[in-house]
Structure formats: structure tokens, C-alpha cells
Amino acid sequence: MKIIVISLVSSEERRASAKRQLDALGLEFEILDAVDGQTSDHPLLARYDEKKFLIHYGRPANRGELGCYASHYLAWQRGMERNEPVLILEDDFQLTDKFVAALATCEQLIIQQGYIRLQETRKSKATFAKKVGEFSLVKYTKAPQGGLCYALTPEVARSFIEHSQEFIYPLDVFVRHFWIHKVPLYGLTPYTADGGELSTDSVIGKRLKVKKSLPVAASESRTGRTCGS
């Protein structure tokens, strides 16, 4: 499975860390130059609708969030263009010694599952789906935050793109809103990727915690949505 590492051109230390870890594991990868929301005039940034973002998330987006969304969008496009599954990594990752085995297991499962997360999560709920060797596939009923490490098929990438004509959520909030893109979300445990020391210096910027807007909260309560329903 092709590995795509999203990284700002200016993030030399993060790029070096990503290369060092993946080279040590003997894994081939490519770098995708991330969109810098602070300085770029990339056309994808024009998809930001501040009014709708405010309605859905309770505050305006910061520029780093928009760059993050645009960068993942470009990674999804690469998966579609290749017409094959890809694993997407943000460059501030720290991998465990089980990552290569998890990647191989993910390759076995990804066509059927569509989306599999390998990133550690501390705020999610999931049900056991099946055992695969030393790993367990879980299906999220409450999807986690973050987009550090996940695999997806071209079909899922296409669905994410089709439902991203406007940027009205942070990237990871959009992904976990499965009722928008209709993609069931799975994870592979034990997780084999997490944020490393470099992740404490976020290139996105501090993301303030907000309460859900009344329209969104009412809609979620009314539908009783669970992941993949």
C-alpha cells in the first residue's frame, strides 16, 4: 500500500523524523507538500464558508485548519488517481514496532472495510468486528478525533471529496460525521501510530473546544446516529 506523508515544506524537523522512521522500517513513501493555510493562496482554501463553519462548529476556522483540510483533500485525490488504497500519515507521527504488521493486516482488510484508522484514540467508542492475527478490527460507534494515520480506498476518497465541496468543519470533524459521507469508520487495534514529541508544536494552531450549535445538536439527537448507520 502506498504511503503518503503530508508535510509542510518548512517543517524540516518533522520531515526528517518521518523519513527516519519509515526508512528504518524499510517502507517506501512519498511526501505530499502540505497546503500552508497561513500563507498559501491555494484554490482549495476558497471552499471555506465561514458562515456555515460558524453554524456547524461555533467559531471561525483558523487558517491552519483550512490548510490541513486542503492537504488531506490532495492526498485523497492521489488515492483516486492511482485507483488503489493509500495510507495517509501526518508528519508528526511516532510509530510502534508493530506498525509494519499492522500495515500488512490493513492491506488485507482495506478493500472490504474502506476506511481503517491506525492512530491511537482516547475519545471514541467502538464495537469489536473481528480478530485478524494479533490485531482486532473495531467499528466506531463514536468516531475519534485526529487524522494522523489512516488508510482508505479510492471509493472512500471519492466520497470524502464529493462531500467536501465546502469546508464547513475541521478535517477530522468532517470525517467522523459519517452521516455526511456515508462511510463506516473502522480502526485496527492495538493502535500502532500516535503523535510524537513534535506533535506538541502544532502547525494547525490551538483549536478551541466549542459546544455544538443548536441545529447540529438537535439534528444528532433527533436521528440517534451511530457510526455507519
Protein backbone atom coordinates (compact mmCIF):
# COMPACT_ATOMS: atom_id res chain seq x y z
CA MET A 1 0.00 0.00 0.00
CA LYS A 2 1.37 3.41 -0.98
CA ILE A 3 2.19 5.64 2.00
CA ILE A 4 1.61 9.38 1.65
CA VAL A 5 3.17 11.67 4.25
CA ILE A 6 1.58 15.11 4.49
CA SER A 7 4.20 17.68 5.45
CA LEU A 8 4.78 21.41 5.12
CA VAL A 9 7.86 22.32 3.11
CA SER A 10 9.02 24.43 6.06
CA SER A 11 8.69 21.56 8.58
CA GLU A 12 12.20 20.23 8.10
CA GLU A 13 12.48 18.58 11.52
CA ARG A 14 9.19 16.75 11.10
CA ARG A 15 10.10 15.59 7.60
CA ALA A 16 13.42 14.27 8.87
CA SER A 17 11.67 12.39 11.68
CA ALA A 18 9.12 10.87 9.29
CA LYS A 19 11.82 9.79 6.84
CA ARG A 20 13.99 8.34 9.60
CA GLN A 21 11.17 6.20 11.00
CA LEU A 22 9.87 4.90 7.67
CA ASP A 23 13.35 4.24 6.27
CA ALA A 24 14.21 2.26 9.41
CA LEU A 25 11.17 0.05 8.78
CA GLY A 26 12.07 -0.39 5.11
CA LEU A 27 8.85 1.25 3.93
CA GLU A 28 8.55 3.23 0.73
CA PHE A 29 6.66 6.50 0.92
CA GLU A 30 6.16 9.80 -0.81
CA ILE A 31 5.90 13.31 0.58
CA LEU A 32 2.89 15.46 -0.22
CA ASP A 33 3.73 19.14 0.23
CA ALA A 34 1.01 20.35 2.57
CA VAL A 35 -1.03 23.47 1.93
CA ASP A 36 0.09 26.18 4.33
CA GLY A 37 -3.14 27.83 5.36
CA GLN A 38 -1.24 30.71 6.92
CA THR A 39 0.49 31.86 3.73
CA SER A 40 -0.92 29.97 0.75
CA ASP A 41 -3.50 31.14 -1.77
CA HIS A 42 -4.25 27.56 -2.86
CA PRO A 43 -7.62 27.41 -4.65
CA LEU A 44 -8.95 24.77 -2.25
CA LEU A 45 -8.89 27.33 0.55
CA ALA A 46 -11.65 29.22 -1.27
CA ARG A 47 -14.01 26.38 -0.34
CA TYR A 48 -14.13 27.70 3.21
CA ASP A 49 -17.58 29.02 4.07
CA GLU A 50 -17.19 30.95 7.30
CA LYS A 51 -20.91 31.37 7.91
CA LYS A 52 -21.58 27.63 7.68
CA PHE A 53 -18.46 26.81 9.69
CA LEU A 54 -19.76 29.09 12.45
CA ILE A 55 -23.16 27.40 12.36
CA HIS A 56 -21.71 23.90 12.47
CA TYR A 57 -18.75 24.45 14.77
CA GLY A 58 -19.49 27.56 16.79
CA ARG A 59 -16.44 29.59 15.77
CA PRO A 60 -14.50 30.56 12.64
CA ALA A 61 -11.82 28.22 11.33
CA ASN A 62 -8.21 29.10 11.88
CA ARG A 63 -6.02 29.16 8.81
CA GLY A 64 -4.03 26.11 9.85
CA GLU A 65 -7.21 24.01 9.98
CA LEU A 66 -8.08 25.01 6.44
CA GLY A 67 -4.60 24.09 5.23
CA CYS A 68 -4.93 20.73 6.97
CA TYR A 69 -8.27 20.01 5.27
CA ALA A 70 -6.91 21.04 1.87
CA SER A 71 -3.82 18.84 2.34
CA HIS A 72 -5.85 15.74 3.15
CA TYR A 73 -8.09 16.54 0.18
CA LEU A 74 -5.00 16.44 -2.07
CA ALA A 75 -3.98 13.10 -0.54
CA TRP A 76 -7.45 11.72 -1.27
CA GLN A 77 -7.05 12.87 -4.86
CA ARG A 78 -3.80 10.93 -5.17
CA GLY A 79 -5.56 7.79 -3.99
CA MET A 80 -8.29 8.31 -6.57
CA GLU A 81 -5.81 8.99 -9.36
CA ARG A 82 -3.90 5.80 -8.56
CA ASN A 83 -7.14 3.88 -8.17
CA GLU A 84 -5.68 1.99 -5.22
CA PRO A 85 -5.80 2.21 -1.42
CA VAL A 86 -3.36 4.56 0.28
CA LEU A 87 -2.19 5.10 3.84
CA ILE A 88 -2.10 8.75 4.86
CA LEU A 89 0.25 9.98 7.58
CA GLU A 90 0.69 13.44 9.04
CA ASP A 91 4.38 14.10 9.60
CA ASP A 92 4.37 14.34 13.41
CA PHE A 93 3.77 10.62 13.95
CA GLN A 94 5.51 8.15 16.23
CA LEU A 95 5.21 4.52 15.13
CA THR A 96 5.35 1.43 17.32
CA ASP A 97 7.34 -1.69 16.50
CA LYS A 98 4.08 -3.35 15.39
CA PHE A 99 3.41 -0.84 12.62
CA VAL A 100 4.67 -2.98 9.72
CA ALA A 101 2.50 -5.89 10.86
CA ALA A 102 -0.49 -3.54 11.24
CA LEU A 103 0.09 -2.16 7.75
CA ALA A 104 0.14 -5.68 6.30
CA THR A 105 -3.09 -6.51 8.12
CA CYS A 106 -4.63 -3.27 6.94
CA GLU A 107 -3.78 -4.21 3.35
CA GLN A 108 -5.73 -7.45 3.78
CA LEU A 109 -8.81 -5.65 5.09
CA ILE A 110 -8.96 -2.28 3.41
CA ILE A 111 -10.84 -3.24 0.24
CA GLN A 112 -13.73 -4.65 2.26
CA GLN A 113 -13.74 -2.07 5.05
CA GLY A 114 -12.98 1.09 3.04
CA TYR A 115 -11.51 3.16 5.90
CA ILE A 116 -9.23 1.92 8.69
CA ARG A 117 -7.61 4.07 11.35
CA LEU A 118 -4.25 3.08 12.85
CA GLN A 119 -3.90 6.13 15.10
CA GLU A 120 -4.24 5.91 18.86
CA THR A 121 -7.54 7.23 20.17
CA ARG A 122 -8.57 8.23 23.67
CA LYS A 123 -12.00 9.64 22.92
CA SER A 124 -14.07 7.15 20.97
CA LYS A 125 -16.43 4.20 21.27
CA ALA A 126 -16.23 1.08 19.16
CA THR A 127 -17.55 -2.44 18.87
CA PHE A 128 -15.45 -5.49 18.09
CA ALA A 129 -15.76 -6.62 14.46
CA LYS A 130 -13.28 -9.48 14.09
CA LYS A 131 -9.88 -10.79 15.05
CA VAL A 132 -7.16 -10.80 12.39
CA GLY A 133 -3.95 -12.36 13.62
CA GLU A 134 -2.59 -10.29 16.50
CA PHE A 135 -4.95 -7.37 15.73
CA SER A 136 -8.62 -6.64 16.24
CA LEU A 137 -10.78 -4.75 13.78
CA VAL A 138 -13.24 -2.44 15.53
CA LYS A 139 -16.12 -0.41 14.16
CA TYR A 140 -16.60 3.02 15.66
CA THR A 141 -19.94 3.94 17.16
CA LYS A 142 -18.46 7.25 18.30
CA ALA A 143 -15.66 8.21 15.97
CA PRO A 144 -12.37 9.61 17.32
CA GLN A 145 -10.59 12.87 16.66
CA GLY A 146 -7.48 13.37 14.58
CA GLY A 147 -6.26 12.44 11.11
CA LEU A 148 -2.69 11.37 11.88
CA CYS A 149 -2.78 7.87 10.35
CA TYR A 150 -5.48 6.12 8.33
CA ALA A 151 -5.95 4.06 5.19
CA LEU A 152 -8.74 4.43 2.67
CA THR A 153 -9.83 3.08 -0.69
CA PRO A 154 -10.34 5.17 -3.84
CA GLU A 155 -14.09 4.82 -3.38
CA VAL A 156 -13.95 6.30 0.12
CA ALA A 157 -11.60 9.02 -1.09
CA ARG A 158 -14.13 9.87 -3.79
CA SER A 159 -16.94 10.07 -1.25
CA PHE A 160 -14.88 12.36 1.01
CA ILE A 161 -14.08 14.61 -1.95
CA GLU A 162 -17.66 14.72 -3.19
CA HIS A 163 -18.81 15.84 0.23
CA SER A 164 -16.08 18.45 0.62
CA GLN A 165 -17.30 20.97 -1.91
CA GLU A 166 -17.37 23.37 1.04
CA PHE A 167 -15.07 23.38 4.07
CA ILE A 168 -17.52 23.80 6.93
CA TYR A 169 -15.85 21.63 9.59
CA PRO A 170 -12.29 20.87 10.71
CA LEU A 171 -10.94 17.90 8.73
CA ASP A 172 -11.29 15.29 11.46
CA VAL A 173 -14.76 16.51 12.44
CA PHE A 174 -15.90 16.08 8.83
CA VAL A 175 -14.50 12.54 8.72
CA ARG A 176 -16.17 11.46 11.94
CA HIS A 177 -19.51 12.87 10.74
CA PHE A 178 -20.17 9.59 8.94
CA TRP A 179 -23.79 10.51 8.19
CA ILE A 180 -22.49 13.12 5.74
CA HIS A 181 -20.26 10.90 3.60
CA LYS A 182 -21.92 7.52 4.43
CA VAL A 183 -18.58 5.82 5.13
CA PRO A 184 -18.43 3.35 8.06
CA LEU A 185 -15.30 4.01 10.11
CA TYR A 186 -13.05 1.21 11.36
CA GLY A 187 -9.91 1.01 13.46
CA LEU A 188 -7.18 -1.59 13.91
CA THR A 189 -6.15 -2.28 17.49
CA PRO A 190 -3.78 -2.24 19.20
CA TYR A 191 -3.06 1.09 17.56
CA THR A 192 0.40 1.49 16.09
CA ALA A 193 0.70 5.25 15.47
CA ASP A 194 0.41 8.23 17.76
CA GLY A 195 1.57 11.82 17.92
CA GLY A 196 5.25 12.10 18.73
CA GLU A 197 7.14 14.81 20.61
CA LEU A 198 6.97 17.08 17.57
CA SER A 199 3.16 16.98 17.63
CA THR A 200 3.11 19.24 20.71
CA ASP A 201 4.15 22.09 18.42
CA SER A 202 1.03 22.11 16.24
CA VAL A 203 1.24 23.67 12.79
CA ILE A 204 -2.56 23.94 12.82
CA GLY A 205 -2.63 26.09 15.92
CA LYS A 206 -4.62 25.81 19.10
CA ARG A 207 -8.12 24.57 18.40
CA LEU A 208 -10.60 25.90 20.90
CA LYS A 209 -13.15 23.48 22.29
CA VAL A 210 -16.68 24.61 21.47
CA LYS A 211 -20.19 23.48 22.19
CA LYS A 212 -22.21 22.10 19.30
CA SER A 213 -24.52 24.60 17.70
CA LEU A 214 -28.20 24.11 18.40
CA PRO A 215 -29.05 22.96 14.82
CA VAL A 216 -26.31 20.31 14.82
CA ALA A 217 -27.00 19.11 18.36
CA ALA A 218 -30.73 18.88 17.67
CA SER A 219 -30.16 17.01 14.41
CA GLU A 220 -27.83 14.45 16.02
CA SER A 221 -30.21 13.91 18.92
CA ARG A 222 -33.20 13.52 16.61
CA THR A 223 -31.58 10.96 14.35
CA GLY A 224 -29.79 8.99 17.06
CA ARG A 225 -26.92 8.47 14.67
CA THR A 226 -24.28 5.82 15.20
CA CYS A 227 -21.26 5.27 13.04
CA GLY A 228 -22.10 3.59 9.76
CA SER A 229 -25.84 3.60 10.34
